[in-house]
């Protein structure tokens, strides 16, 4: 949730012409992370939960790539980008560890 909230704040600093481009993509991907975790938790088995966690992990990598693109394009607030990048890395590590723990 913190990553999605940070992404929303960061994208508010993007130029208006990015509203239907990178802004929209980043917001959808960040919301997808928490949504897939929640949906997977609501499923009946650990196998289904792992599947949704893997989808969330993919969305985390999508967010990381889009943040790097924003950095290369020099759009958005640099401090907010750094915070979002750090949170996306932390989220990815936590998801990876959680997925591994469910395999045991």
Protein backbone atom coordinates (compact mmCIF):
# COMPACT_ATOMS: atom_id res chain seq x y z
CA UNK A 1 0.00 0.00 0.00
CA UNK A 2 2.83 2.39 0.82
CA UNK A 3 4.37 1.83 -2.63
CA UNK A 4 1.07 2.54 -4.40
CA UNK A 5 0.51 5.66 -2.33
CA UNK A 6 4.03 6.87 -3.09
CA UNK A 7 3.59 6.17 -6.81
CA UNK A 8 0.39 8.23 -6.82
CA UNK A 9 2.20 11.11 -5.13
CA UNK A 10 5.17 10.83 -7.47
CA UNK A 11 3.04 10.80 -10.60
CA UNK A 12 1.24 13.96 -9.49
CA UNK A 13 4.52 15.70 -10.28
CA UNK A 14 4.62 14.32 -13.84
CA UNK A 15 3.80 16.61 -16.77
CA UNK A 16 0.14 16.71 -17.82
CA UNK A 17 0.94 15.11 -21.19
CA UNK A 18 1.94 11.93 -19.31
CA UNK A 19 -1.51 11.50 -17.74
CA UNK A 20 -2.55 8.79 -20.21
CA UNK A 21 0.97 7.43 -20.61
CA UNK A 22 3.48 6.76 -17.90
CA UNK A 23 1.32 8.18 -15.11
CA UNK A 24 -1.51 5.78 -15.90
CA UNK A 25 0.84 2.81 -16.38
CA UNK A 26 2.65 3.37 -13.08
CA UNK A 27 -0.54 3.83 -11.13
CA UNK A 28 -2.18 0.71 -12.56
CA UNK A 29 0.91 -1.43 -11.98
CA UNK A 30 1.31 -0.25 -8.38
CA UNK A 31 -2.35 -0.88 -7.60
CA UNK A 32 -2.04 -4.28 -9.26
CA UNK A 33 0.59 -5.31 -6.70
CA UNK A 34 -1.63 -4.82 -3.66
CA UNK A 35 -4.74 -6.02 -5.49
CA UNK A 36 -3.14 -9.33 -6.48
CA UNK A 37 -1.85 -9.91 -2.96
CA UNK A 38 -5.35 -9.31 -1.58
CA UNK A 39 -7.07 -11.45 -4.21
CA UNK A 40 -4.58 -14.29 -3.77
CA UNK A 41 -5.07 -14.24 -0.01
CA UNK A 42 -8.79 -14.64 -0.56
CA UNK A 43 -8.29 -17.81 -2.61
CA UNK A 44 -8.64 -21.27 -1.15
CA UNK A 45 -5.14 -22.68 -1.45
CA UNK A 46 -1.48 -21.82 -0.99
CA UNK A 47 -0.90 -22.72 -4.65
CA UNK A 48 -3.38 -20.11 -5.85
CA UNK A 49 -1.98 -17.60 -3.35
CA UNK A 50 1.55 -18.19 -4.72
CA UNK A 51 0.26 -17.67 -8.26
CA UNK A 52 -1.17 -14.26 -7.35
CA UNK A 53 1.98 -13.35 -5.42
CA UNK A 54 3.99 -14.14 -8.56
CA UNK A 55 1.73 -11.84 -10.57
CA UNK A 56 2.26 -9.14 -7.92
CA UNK A 57 6.01 -9.72 -8.22
CA UNK A 58 5.77 -9.17 -11.99
CA UNK A 59 3.91 -5.90 -11.40
CA UNK A 60 6.66 -4.85 -8.99
CA UNK A 61 9.23 -5.30 -11.74
CA UNK A 62 6.97 -3.36 -14.09
CA UNK A 63 6.88 -0.47 -11.60
CA UNK A 64 10.67 -0.56 -11.24
CA UNK A 65 11.13 -0.38 -15.01
CA UNK A 66 8.69 2.50 -15.35
CA UNK A 67 10.41 4.42 -12.53
CA UNK A 68 13.73 3.96 -14.35
CA UNK A 69 12.11 5.27 -17.53
CA UNK A 70 10.82 8.33 -15.67
CA UNK A 71 14.34 8.87 -14.35
CA UNK A 72 15.83 8.69 -17.85
CA UNK A 73 13.17 11.06 -19.16
CA UNK A 74 13.87 13.37 -16.20
CA UNK A 75 10.21 13.68 -15.28
CA UNK A 76 8.72 13.92 -11.83
CA UNK A 77 10.19 14.87 -8.49
CA UNK A 78 13.58 13.22 -7.96
CA UNK A 79 13.14 12.63 -4.22
CA UNK A 80 9.77 10.97 -4.77
CA UNK A 81 11.22 8.81 -7.56
CA UNK A 82 13.99 7.66 -5.25
CA UNK A 83 11.51 6.82 -2.51
CA UNK A 84 9.29 4.89 -4.96
CA UNK A 85 12.31 3.05 -6.33
CA UNK A 86 13.46 2.08 -2.84
CA UNK A 87 9.97 0.90 -1.87
CA UNK A 88 9.63 -1.12 -5.07
CA UNK A 89 12.92 -2.91 -4.37
CA UNK A 90 11.88 -3.58 -0.77
CA UNK A 91 8.46 -4.84 -1.91
CA UNK A 92 10.08 -7.15 -4.46
CA UNK A 93 12.39 -8.63 -1.82
CA UNK A 94 9.50 -9.18 0.61
CA UNK A 95 7.37 -10.82 -2.06
CA UNK A 96 10.26 -13.06 -3.10
CA UNK A 97 10.83 -14.20 0.47
CA UNK A 98 7.10 -14.75 1.02
CA UNK A 99 6.80 -16.81 -2.17
CA UNK A 100 9.76 -18.94 -1.10
CA UNK A 101 8.27 -19.50 2.36
CA UNK A 102 5.06 -20.83 0.79
CA UNK A 103 7.03 -23.34 -1.28
CA UNK A 104 8.46 -24.95 1.87
